[in-house]
Amino acid sequence: MFHKLKQLFTPEYLIQGKKNYFTYGFNKKEWIVLGGKNLGILLLFSYFFYQSIWAFFLLSPLWFYLMMKEQQTKGEQQRMELEQQFKEAMLAVLASLQAGYSLENAFMACQKDMVILFGQKSNIVEELGFISRGIHNHIPLEGMVLNLGQRSGSEEIKEFSDVFHIAKYSGGGITEILQKTISVIQEKMEIKEEIETTIHEKKLESQIMCVIPFFIIFYMNLTSPGYFQVLYHNFLGVIIMTVCMVLYVVGVTLAGKIAKISL
């Protein structure tokens, strides 16, 4: 638990001076927006389940848990973006190789294409910048790609970097090996995208179902004031509402896990 809290308050974890994609560091804007959103969620729970400001203070430690879940979600999004950017970068490298570039020059030329596609501040441009500087300093290319695979948190990039390292070290037909490996990665990512598109509607339905209970309670309080008062400000009511809250959280968590793609 302490280790996760340390990650939460660490702006960016580094491995050998480079970004570690296994973790995610919030920037100032995300701290304000996501922190405020999660405080709002706790206020919502305090009102609808307990109608007490004291409940907010008792539930406030859950803010750290909610922020860690946000961090996990942001990290997954970052890794998915890196996978997509890496795939496009390797396609550009492959095109350069087929045009007669050397492997090192192909990687350096690729950076300019990725700036046009994803912008100067994108992760793939940053990583290609590391690689370009390493090439100028005579650092072996296969070692830098292997390092990226180890830091990426992506199984696809890790597998590619392993294959690339072996192919470069053995001196085999690097262009053909890259072409086959990229083809496999591309096919796997397309399957992921198809699954995501298929279950997108179900995810939306799940999100709507998550907020419906609050609308029901709000509607009942609005149209029939006092209808739920028997459940507030007494011991038995607190127990019942706490059980309801736990069941709600478990249901939301299970819905998220069911909709999670894993290939």
C-alpha atoms as a PDB file:
ATOM      1  CA  MET A   1       0.000   0.000   0.000  1.00  0.00           C
ATOM      2  CA  PHE A   2       2.816   2.410   0.923  1.00  0.00           C
ATOM      3  CA  HIS A   3       4.533   1.635  -2.392  1.00  0.00           C
ATOM      4  CA  LYS A   4       1.363   2.545  -4.317  1.00  0.00           C
ATOM      5  CA  LEU A   5       0.963   5.785  -2.385  1.00  0.00           C
ATOM      6  CA  LYS A   6       4.596   6.624  -3.159  1.00  0.00           C
ATOM      7  CA  GLN A   7       3.870   6.101  -6.873  1.00  0.00           C
ATOM      8  CA  LEU A   8       0.828   8.368  -6.587  1.00  0.00           C
ATOM      9  CA  PHE A   9       2.877  11.298  -5.290  1.00  0.00           C
ATOM     10  CA  THR A  10       5.895  10.709  -7.546  1.00  0.00           C
ATOM     11  CA  PRO A  11       5.586  12.909 -10.677  1.00  0.00           C
ATOM     12  CA  GLU A  12       7.326  10.385 -12.915  1.00  0.00           C
ATOM     13  CA  TYR A  13       9.148   7.130 -12.302  1.00  0.00           C
ATOM     14  CA  LEU A  14      12.353   6.726 -14.289  1.00  0.00           C
ATOM     15  CA  ILE A  15      14.442   3.748 -15.329  1.00  0.00           C
ATOM     16  CA  GLN A  16      18.002   4.679 -16.290  1.00  0.00           C
ATOM     17  CA  GLY A  17      16.875   8.298 -16.650  1.00  0.00           C
ATOM     18  CA  LYS A  18      13.941   7.417 -18.927  1.00  0.00           C
ATOM     19  CA  LYS A  19      10.195   7.173 -18.438  1.00  0.00           C
ATOM     20  CA  ASN A  20       8.752   4.020 -16.910  1.00  0.00           C
ATOM     21  CA  TYR A  21       5.355   3.296 -18.486  1.00  0.00           C
ATOM     22  CA  PHE A  22       4.436   0.797 -15.768  1.00  0.00           C
ATOM     23  CA  THR A  23       3.450   3.798 -13.642  1.00  0.00           C
ATOM     24  CA  TYR A  24       1.788   7.135 -14.377  1.00  0.00           C
ATOM     25  CA  GLY A  25       2.508  10.525 -12.815  1.00  0.00           C
ATOM     26  CA  PHE A  26      -0.240  13.160 -12.708  1.00  0.00           C
ATOM     27  CA  ASN A  27       0.532  16.649 -13.920  1.00  0.00           C
ATOM     28  CA  LYS A  28      -0.797  19.720 -12.077  1.00  0.00           C
ATOM     29  CA  LYS A  29      -3.927  19.989 -14.208  1.00  0.00           C
ATOM     30  CA  GLU A  30      -4.769  16.317 -13.646  1.00  0.00           C
ATOM     31  CA  TRP A  31      -4.255  16.698  -9.898  1.00  0.00           C
ATOM     32  CA  ILE A  32      -6.788  19.541  -9.845  1.00  0.00           C
ATOM     33  CA  VAL A  33      -9.353  17.989 -12.206  1.00  0.00           C
ATOM     34  CA  LEU A  34      -9.193  14.372 -11.033  1.00  0.00           C
ATOM     35  CA  GLY A  35      -8.704  15.286  -7.377  1.00  0.00           C
ATOM     36  CA  GLY A  36     -11.749  17.566  -7.526  1.00  0.00           C
ATOM     37  CA  LYS A  37     -13.800  14.919  -9.322  1.00  0.00           C
ATOM     38  CA  ASN A  38     -13.024  12.298  -6.681  1.00  0.00           C
ATOM     39  CA  LEU A  39     -13.830  14.716  -3.870  1.00  0.00           C
ATOM     40  CA  GLY A  40     -17.159  15.255  -5.616  1.00  0.00           C
ATOM     41  CA  ILE A  41     -17.735  11.492  -5.692  1.00  0.00           C
ATOM     42  CA  LEU A  42     -17.100  11.264  -1.940  1.00  0.00           C
ATOM     43  CA  LEU A  43     -19.503  14.161  -1.322  1.00  0.00           C
ATOM     44  CA  LEU A  44     -22.085  12.383  -3.466  1.00  0.00           C
ATOM     45  CA  PHE A  45     -21.690   9.154  -1.501  1.00  0.00           C
ATOM     46  CA  SER A  46     -21.823  11.024   1.806  1.00  0.00           C
ATOM     47  CA  TYR A  47     -25.088  12.714   0.887  1.00  0.00           C
ATOM     48  CA  PHE A  48     -26.963   9.890  -0.824  1.00  0.00           C
ATOM     49  CA  PHE A  49     -25.887   7.092   1.505  1.00  0.00           C
ATOM     50  CA  TYR A  50     -25.660   8.942   4.822  1.00  0.00           C
ATOM     51  CA  GLN A  51     -26.851  12.566   4.462  1.00  0.00           C
ATOM     52  CA  SER A  52     -24.083  13.583   6.836  1.00  0.00           C
ATOM     53  CA  ILE A  53     -20.997  15.769   6.482  1.00  0.00           C
ATOM     54  CA  TRP A  54     -19.274  13.552   9.041  1.00  0.00           C
ATOM     55  CA  ALA A  55     -19.573  10.674   6.604  1.00  0.00           C
ATOM     56  CA  PHE A  56     -17.502  12.693   4.142  1.00  0.00           C
ATOM     57  CA  PHE A  57     -14.638  12.950   6.618  1.00  0.00           C
ATOM     58  CA  LEU A  58     -14.906   9.244   7.432  1.00  0.00           C
ATOM     59  CA  LEU A  59     -14.883   8.359   3.723  1.00  0.00           C
ATOM     60  CA  SER A  60     -12.088  10.817   2.857  1.00  0.00           C
ATOM     61  CA  PRO A  61      -9.301   8.145   3.020  1.00  0.00           C
ATOM     62  CA  LEU A  62     -11.016   6.544   0.014  1.00  0.00           C
ATOM     63  CA  TRP A  63      -9.857   9.592  -1.984  1.00  0.00           C
ATOM     64  CA  PHE A  64      -6.384   8.029  -2.152  1.00  0.00           C
ATOM     65  CA  TYR A  65      -7.873   4.766  -3.448  1.00  0.00           C
ATOM     66  CA  LEU A  66      -9.868   6.619  -6.109  1.00  0.00           C
ATOM     67  CA  MET A  67      -6.771   8.529  -7.193  1.00  0.00           C
ATOM     68  CA  MET A  68      -4.799   5.284  -7.471  1.00  0.00           C
ATOM     69  CA  LYS A  69      -7.564   3.847  -9.680  1.00  0.00           C
ATOM     70  CA  GLU A  70      -7.401   6.996 -11.817  1.00  0.00           C
ATOM     71  CA  GLN A  71      -3.641   6.545 -12.022  1.00  0.00           C
ATOM     72  CA  GLN A  72      -4.095   2.943 -13.142  1.00  0.00           C
ATOM     73  CA  THR A  73      -6.616   3.965 -15.817  1.00  0.00           C
ATOM     74  CA  LYS A  74      -4.392   6.787 -17.071  1.00  0.00           C
ATOM     75  CA  GLY A  75      -1.428   4.409 -17.165  1.00  0.00           C
ATOM     76  CA  GLU A  76      -3.378   1.905 -19.276  1.00  0.00           C
ATOM     77  CA  GLN A  77      -4.431   4.682 -21.663  1.00  0.00           C
ATOM     78  CA  GLN A  78      -0.822   5.864 -21.926  1.00  0.00           C
ATOM     79  CA  ARG A  79       0.404   2.341 -22.734  1.00  0.00           C
ATOM     80  CA  MET A  80      -2.308   1.894 -25.375  1.00  0.00           C
ATOM     81  CA  GLU A  81      -1.326   5.202 -26.977  1.00  0.00           C
ATOM     82  CA  LEU A  82       2.341   4.185 -26.910  1.00  0.00           C
ATOM     83  CA  GLU A  83       1.472   0.864 -28.597  1.00  0.00           C
ATOM     84  CA  GLN A  84      -0.366   2.655 -31.403  1.00  0.00           C
ATOM     85  CA  GLN A  85       2.422   5.213 -31.830  1.00  0.00           C
ATOM     86  CA  PHE A  86       5.095   2.494 -31.743  1.00  0.00           C
ATOM     87  CA  LYS A  87       3.303   0.527 -34.444  1.00  0.00           C
ATOM     88  CA  GLU A  88       3.222   3.589 -36.729  1.00  0.00           C
ATOM     89  CA  ALA A  89       6.887   4.292 -35.963  1.00  0.00           C
ATOM     90  CA  MET A  90       7.950   0.765 -36.880  1.00  0.00           C
ATOM     91  CA  LEU A  91       5.952   0.941 -40.118  1.00  0.00           C
ATOM     92  CA  ALA A  92       7.862   4.144 -40.945  1.00  0.00           C
ATOM     93  CA  VAL A  93      11.170   2.427 -40.080  1.00  0.00           C
ATOM     94  CA  LEU A  94      10.243  -0.508 -42.310  1.00  0.00           C
ATOM     95  CA  ALA A  95       9.390   1.838 -45.204  1.00  0.00           C
ATOM     96  CA  SER A  96      12.756   3.560 -44.816  1.00  0.00           C
ATOM     97  CA  LEU A  97      14.579   0.211 -44.798  1.00  0.00           C
ATOM     98  CA  GLN A  98      12.796  -0.817 -47.981  1.00  0.00           C
ATOM     99  CA  ALA A  99      13.847   2.527 -49.511  1.00  0.00           C
ATOM    100  CA  GLY A 100      17.490   1.679 -48.842  1.00  0.00           C
ATOM    101  CA  TYR A 101      18.196   3.411 -45.513  1.00  0.00           C
ATOM    102  CA  SER A 102      20.469   1.774 -42.970  1.00  0.00           C
ATOM    103  CA  LEU A 103      18.720   0.593 -39.799  1.00  0.00           C
ATOM    104  CA  GLU A 104      20.142   3.408 -37.648  1.00  0.00           C
ATOM    105  CA  ASN A 105      19.271   6.094 -40.223  1.00  0.00           C
ATOM    106  CA  ALA A 106      15.772   4.639 -40.554  1.00  0.00           C
ATOM    107  CA  PHE A 107      15.161   5.126 -36.821  1.00  0.00           C
ATOM    108  CA  MET A 108      16.501   8.678 -36.889  1.00  0.00           C
ATOM    109  CA  ALA A 109      14.429   9.609 -39.966  1.00  0.00           C
ATOM    110  CA  CYS A 110      11.338   8.101 -38.321  1.00  0.00           C
ATOM    111  CA  GLN A 111      11.307  10.771 -35.606  1.00  0.00           C
ATOM    112  CA  LYS A 112      10.359  13.539 -38.051  1.00  0.00           C
ATOM    113  CA  ASP A 113       7.407  11.512 -39.348  1.00  0.00           C
ATOM    114  CA  MET A 114       6.167  10.873 -35.812  1.00  0.00           C
ATOM    115  CA  VAL A 115       6.324  14.597 -34.982  1.00  0.00           C
ATOM    116  CA  ILE A 116       3.937  15.214 -37.888  1.00  0.00           C
ATOM    117  CA  LEU A 117       1.634  12.352 -36.858  1.00  0.00           C
ATOM    118  CA  PHE A 118       1.541  12.698 -33.059  1.00  0.00           C
ATOM    119  CA  GLY A 119       3.161  16.024 -32.144  1.00  0.00           C
ATOM    120  CA  GLN A 120       6.450  17.066 -30.613  1.00  0.00           C
ATOM    121  CA  LYS A 121       5.406  16.174 -27.046  1.00  0.00           C
ATOM    122  CA  SER A 122       4.212  12.629 -27.776  1.00  0.00           C
ATOM    123  CA  ASN A 123       5.861   9.723 -25.994  1.00  0.00           C
ATOM    124  CA  ILE A 124       7.080   8.053 -29.188  1.00  0.00           C
ATOM    125  CA  VAL A 125       8.848  11.245 -30.323  1.00  0.00           C
ATOM    126  CA  GLU A 126      10.521  11.457 -26.920  1.00  0.00           C
ATOM    127  CA  GLU A 127      11.632   7.823 -27.149  1.00  0.00           C
ATOM    128  CA  LEU A 128      12.918   8.228 -30.696  1.00  0.00           C
ATOM    129  CA  GLY A 129      14.819  11.282 -29.486  1.00  0.00           C
ATOM    130  CA  PHE A 130      16.544   9.095 -26.881  1.00  0.00           C
ATOM    131  CA  ILE A 131      17.377   6.568 -29.590  1.00  0.00           C
ATOM    132  CA  SER A 132      18.707   9.198 -32.004  1.00  0.00           C
ATOM    133  CA  ARG A 133      20.971  10.690 -29.343  1.00  0.00           C
ATOM    134  CA  GLY A 134      22.124   7.214 -28.403  1.00  0.00           C
ATOM    135  CA  ILE A 135      23.012   6.418 -32.023  1.00  0.00           C
ATOM    136  CA  HIS A 136      25.063   9.626 -32.239  1.00  0.00           C
ATOM    137  CA  ASN A 137      26.866   8.517 -29.055  1.00  0.00           C
ATOM    138  CA  HIS A 138      27.546   5.068 -30.569  1.00  0.00           C
ATOM    139  CA  ILE A 139      25.189   3.197 -28.207  1.00  0.00           C
ATOM    140  CA  PRO A 140      23.992  -0.091 -29.778  1.00  0.00           C
ATOM    141  CA  LEU A 141      20.527   0.368 -31.296  1.00  0.00           C
ATOM    142  CA  GLU A 142      19.288  -3.068 -30.233  1.00  0.00           C
ATOM    143  CA  GLY A 143      20.096  -2.285 -26.588  1.00  0.00           C
ATOM    144  CA  MET A 144      18.061   0.943 -26.683  1.00  0.00           C
ATOM    145  CA  VAL A 145      15.072  -0.783 -28.314  1.00  0.00           C
ATOM    146  CA  LEU A 146      15.316  -3.574 -25.731  1.00  0.00           C
ATOM    147  CA  ASN A 147      15.353  -0.951 -22.973  1.00  0.00           C
ATOM    148  CA  LEU A 148      12.191   0.629 -24.386  1.00  0.00           C
ATOM    149  CA  GLY A 149      10.501  -2.776 -24.433  1.00  0.00           C
ATOM    150  CA  GLN A 150      11.376  -3.332 -20.782  1.00  0.00           C
ATOM    151  CA  ARG A 151      10.009   0.089 -19.786  1.00  0.00           C
ATOM    152  CA  SER A 152       6.946   0.158 -22.025  1.00  0.00           C
ATOM    153  CA  GLY A 153       4.602  -2.005 -19.956  1.00  0.00           C
ATOM    154  CA  SER A 154       3.310  -3.345 -23.300  1.00  0.00           C
ATOM    155  CA  GLU A 155       3.551  -7.021 -24.162  1.00  0.00           C
ATOM    156  CA  GLU A 156       3.555  -6.215 -27.878  1.00  0.00           C
ATOM    157  CA  ILE A 157       6.461  -3.769 -27.645  1.00  0.00           C
ATOM    158  CA  LYS A 158       8.342  -6.117 -25.314  1.00  0.00           C
ATOM    159  CA  GLU A 159       7.968  -9.026 -27.764  1.00  0.00           C
ATOM    160  CA  PHE A 160       9.058  -6.811 -30.662  1.00  0.00           C
ATOM    161  CA  SER A 161      12.137  -5.570 -28.793  1.00  0.00           C
ATOM    162  CA  ASP A 162      13.162  -9.137 -27.926  1.00  0.00           C
ATOM    163  CA  VAL A 163      12.831 -10.261 -31.556  1.00  0.00           C
ATOM    164  CA  PHE A 164      14.633  -7.134 -32.770  1.00  0.00           C
ATOM    165  CA  HIS A 165      17.501  -7.685 -30.321  1.00  0.00           C
ATOM    166  CA  ILE A 166      17.958 -11.303 -31.414  1.00  0.00           C
ATOM    167  CA  ALA A 167      17.718 -10.432 -35.136  1.00  0.00           C
ATOM    168  CA  LYS A 168      20.205  -7.549 -34.871  1.00  0.00           C
ATOM    169  CA  TYR A 169      22.597  -9.597 -32.769  1.00  0.00           C
ATOM    170  CA  SER A 170      22.459 -12.612 -35.107  1.00  0.00           C
ATOM    171  CA  GLY A 171      22.734 -10.496 -38.240  1.00  0.00           C
ATOM    172  CA  GLY A 172      19.729 -12.125 -39.925  1.00  0.00           C
ATOM    173  CA  GLY A 173      17.429 -10.604 -42.535  1.00  0.00           C
ATOM    174  CA  ILE A 174      16.325  -7.692 -40.361  1.00  0.00           C
ATOM    175  CA  THR A 175      13.885  -6.239 -42.907  1.00  0.00           C
ATOM    176  CA  GLU A 176      11.970  -9.500 -43.346  1.00  0.00           C
ATOM    177  CA  ILE A 177      11.933 -10.161 -39.606  1.00  0.00           C
ATOM    178  CA  LEU A 178      10.682  -6.646 -38.887  1.00  0.00           C
ATOM    179  CA  GLN A 179       7.978  -6.980 -41.517  1.00  0.00           C
ATOM    180  CA  LYS A 180       6.671 -10.243 -40.057  1.00  0.00           C
ATOM    181  CA  THR A 181       6.853  -9.010 -36.461  1.00  0.00           C
ATOM    182  CA  ILE A 182       5.104  -5.724 -37.257  1.00  0.00           C
ATOM    183  CA  SER A 183       2.422  -7.650 -39.151  1.00  0.00           C
ATOM    184  CA  VAL A 184       1.714  -9.798 -36.082  1.00  0.00           C
ATOM    185  CA  ILE A 185       1.587  -6.750 -33.777  1.00  0.00           C
ATOM    186  CA  GLN A 186      -0.691  -4.894 -36.192  1.00  0.00           C
ATOM    187  CA  GLU A 187      -3.069  -7.836 -36.433  1.00  0.00           C
ATOM    188  CA  LYS A 188      -3.261  -8.166 -32.651  1.00  0.00           C
ATOM    189  CA  MET A 189      -3.942  -4.454 -32.220  1.00  0.00           C
ATOM    190  CA  GLU A 190      -6.656  -4.539 -34.879  1.00  0.00           C
ATOM    191  CA  ILE A 191      -8.354  -7.382 -32.987  1.00  0.00           C
ATOM    192  CA  LYS A 192      -8.218  -5.279 -29.817  1.00  0.00           C
ATOM    193  CA  GLU A 193      -9.786  -2.340 -31.645  1.00  0.00           C
ATOM    194  CA  GLU A 194     -12.554  -4.550 -33.053  1.00  0.00           C
ATOM    195  CA  ILE A 195     -13.345  -5.921 -29.593  1.00  0.00           C
ATOM    196  CA  GLU A 196     -13.315  -2.406 -28.152  1.00  0.00           C
ATOM    197  CA  THR A 197     -15.747  -1.229 -30.845  1.00  0.00           C
ATOM    198  CA  THR A 198     -18.009  -4.239 -30.234  1.00  0.00           C
ATOM    199  CA  ILE A 199     -18.289  -3.734 -26.481  1.00  0.00           C
ATOM    200  CA  HIS A 200     -18.326   0.084 -26.555  1.00  0.00           C
ATOM    201  CA  GLU A 201     -22.133   0.158 -26.421  1.00  0.00           C
ATOM    202  CA  LYS A 202     -22.167  -2.243 -23.464  1.00  0.00           C
ATOM    203  CA  LYS A 203     -19.608  -0.091 -21.661  1.00  0.00           C
ATOM    204  CA  LEU A 204     -21.813   2.952 -22.175  1.00  0.00           C
ATOM    205  CA  GLU A 205     -24.831   1.038 -20.838  1.00  0.00           C
ATOM    206  CA  SER A 206     -22.793  -0.002 -17.806  1.00  0.00           C
ATOM    207  CA  GLN A 207     -21.803   3.609 -17.099  1.00  0.00           C
ATOM    208  CA  ILE A 208     -25.439   4.706 -17.327  1.00  0.00           C
ATOM    209  CA  MET A 209     -26.495   1.934 -14.948  1.00  0.00           C
ATOM    210  CA  CYS A 210     -23.882   3.122 -12.453  1.00  0.00           C
ATOM    211  CA  VAL A 211     -25.509   6.560 -12.100  1.00  0.00           C
ATOM    212  CA  ILE A 212     -29.166   5.450 -12.201  1.00  0.00           C
ATOM    213  CA  PRO A 213     -29.345   4.580  -8.442  1.00  0.00           C
ATOM    214  CA  PHE A 214     -28.392   8.155  -7.554  1.00  0.00           C
ATOM    215  CA  PHE A 215     -31.071   9.560  -9.852  1.00  0.00           C
ATOM    216  CA  ILE A 216     -33.657   7.240  -8.276  1.00  0.00           C
ATOM    217  CA  ILE A 217     -32.772   8.383  -4.745  1.00  0.00           C
ATOM    218  CA  PHE A 218     -32.703  12.025  -5.870  1.00  0.00           C
ATOM    219  CA  TYR A 219     -36.105  11.653  -7.547  1.00  0.00           C
ATOM    220  CA  MET A 220     -37.638  10.012  -4.479  1.00  0.00           C
ATOM    221  CA  ASN A 221     -36.231  12.692  -2.177  1.00  0.00           C
ATOM    222  CA  LEU A 222     -37.588  15.363  -4.511  1.00  0.00           C
ATOM    223  CA  THR A 223     -41.086  13.937  -4.994  1.00  0.00           C
ATOM    224  CA  SER A 224     -41.530  12.230  -1.612  1.00  0.00           C
ATOM    225  CA  PRO A 225     -39.498  14.070   1.015  1.00  0.00           C
ATOM    226  CA  GLY A 226     -38.834  11.933   4.048  1.00  0.00           C
ATOM    227  CA  TYR A 227     -39.433   8.632   2.219  1.00  0.00           C
ATOM    228  CA  PHE A 228     -35.873   7.443   2.926  1.00  0.00           C
ATOM    229  CA  GLN A 229     -35.416   9.269   6.237  1.00  0.00           C
ATOM    230  CA  VAL A 230     -35.816   6.046   8.194  1.00  0.00           C
ATOM    231  CA  LEU A 231     -32.475   4.934   6.702  1.00  0.00           C
ATOM    232  CA  TYR A 232     -30.547   7.992   7.916  1.00  0.00           C
ATOM    233  CA  HIS A 233     -29.175   9.108  11.270  1.00  0.00           C
ATOM    234  CA  ASN A 234     -29.787   5.843  13.081  1.00  0.00           C
ATOM    235  CA  PHE A 235     -27.605   2.809  13.673  1.00  0.00           C
ATOM    236  CA  LEU A 236     -29.640   0.271  11.676  1.00  0.00           C
ATOM    237  CA  GLY A 237     -30.018   2.677   8.769  1.00  0.00           C
ATOM    238  CA  VAL A 238     -26.273   3.335   8.667  1.00  0.00           C
ATOM    239  CA  ILE A 239     -25.602  -0.418   8.562  1.00  0.00           C
ATOM    240  CA  ILE A 240     -28.115  -0.958   5.742  1.00  0.00           C
ATOM    241  CA  MET A 241     -26.813   1.960   3.676  1.00  0.00           C
ATOM    242  CA  THR A 242     -23.198   0.877   4.221  1.00  0.00           C
ATOM    243  CA  VAL A 243     -24.055  -2.609   2.909  1.00  0.00           C
ATOM    244  CA  CYS A 244     -25.798  -0.989  -0.082  1.00  0.00           C
ATOM    245  CA  MET A 245     -22.766   1.190  -0.762  1.00  0.00           C
ATOM    246  CA  VAL A 246     -20.382  -1.791  -0.588  1.00  0.00           C
ATOM    247  CA  LEU A 247     -22.607  -3.796  -2.962  1.00  0.00           C
ATOM    248  CA  TYR A 248     -22.752  -0.830  -5.335  1.00  0.00           C
ATOM    249  CA  VAL A 249     -18.959  -0.438  -5.364  1.00  0.00           C
ATOM    250  CA  VAL A 250     -18.488  -4.191  -5.897  1.00  0.00           C
ATOM    251  CA  GLY A 251     -20.962  -4.097  -8.790  1.00  0.00           C
ATOM    252  CA  VAL A 252     -19.208  -1.153 -10.454  1.00  0.00           C
ATOM    253  CA  THR A 253     -15.822  -2.843 -10.018  1.00  0.00           C
ATOM    254  CA  LEU A 254     -17.061  -6.121 -11.523  1.00  0.00           C
ATOM    255  CA  ALA A 255     -18.626  -4.276 -14.462  1.00  0.00           C
ATOM    256  CA  GLY A 256     -15.258  -2.651 -15.167  1.00  0.00           C
ATOM    257  CA  LYS A 257     -13.401  -5.942 -14.983  1.00  0.00           C
ATOM    258  CA  ILE A 258     -15.871  -7.713 -17.292  1.00  0.00           C
ATOM    259  CA  ALA A 259     -15.463  -5.025 -19.937  1.00  0.00           C
ATOM    260  CA  LYS A 260     -11.669  -5.037 -19.718  1.00  0.00           C
ATOM    261  CA  ILE A 261      -9.911  -6.341 -22.837  1.00  0.00           C
ATOM    262  CA  SER A 262      -7.078  -8.794 -22.367  1.00  0.00           C
ATOM    263  CA  LEU A 263      -5.365 -10.595 -25.260  1.00  0.00           C
END
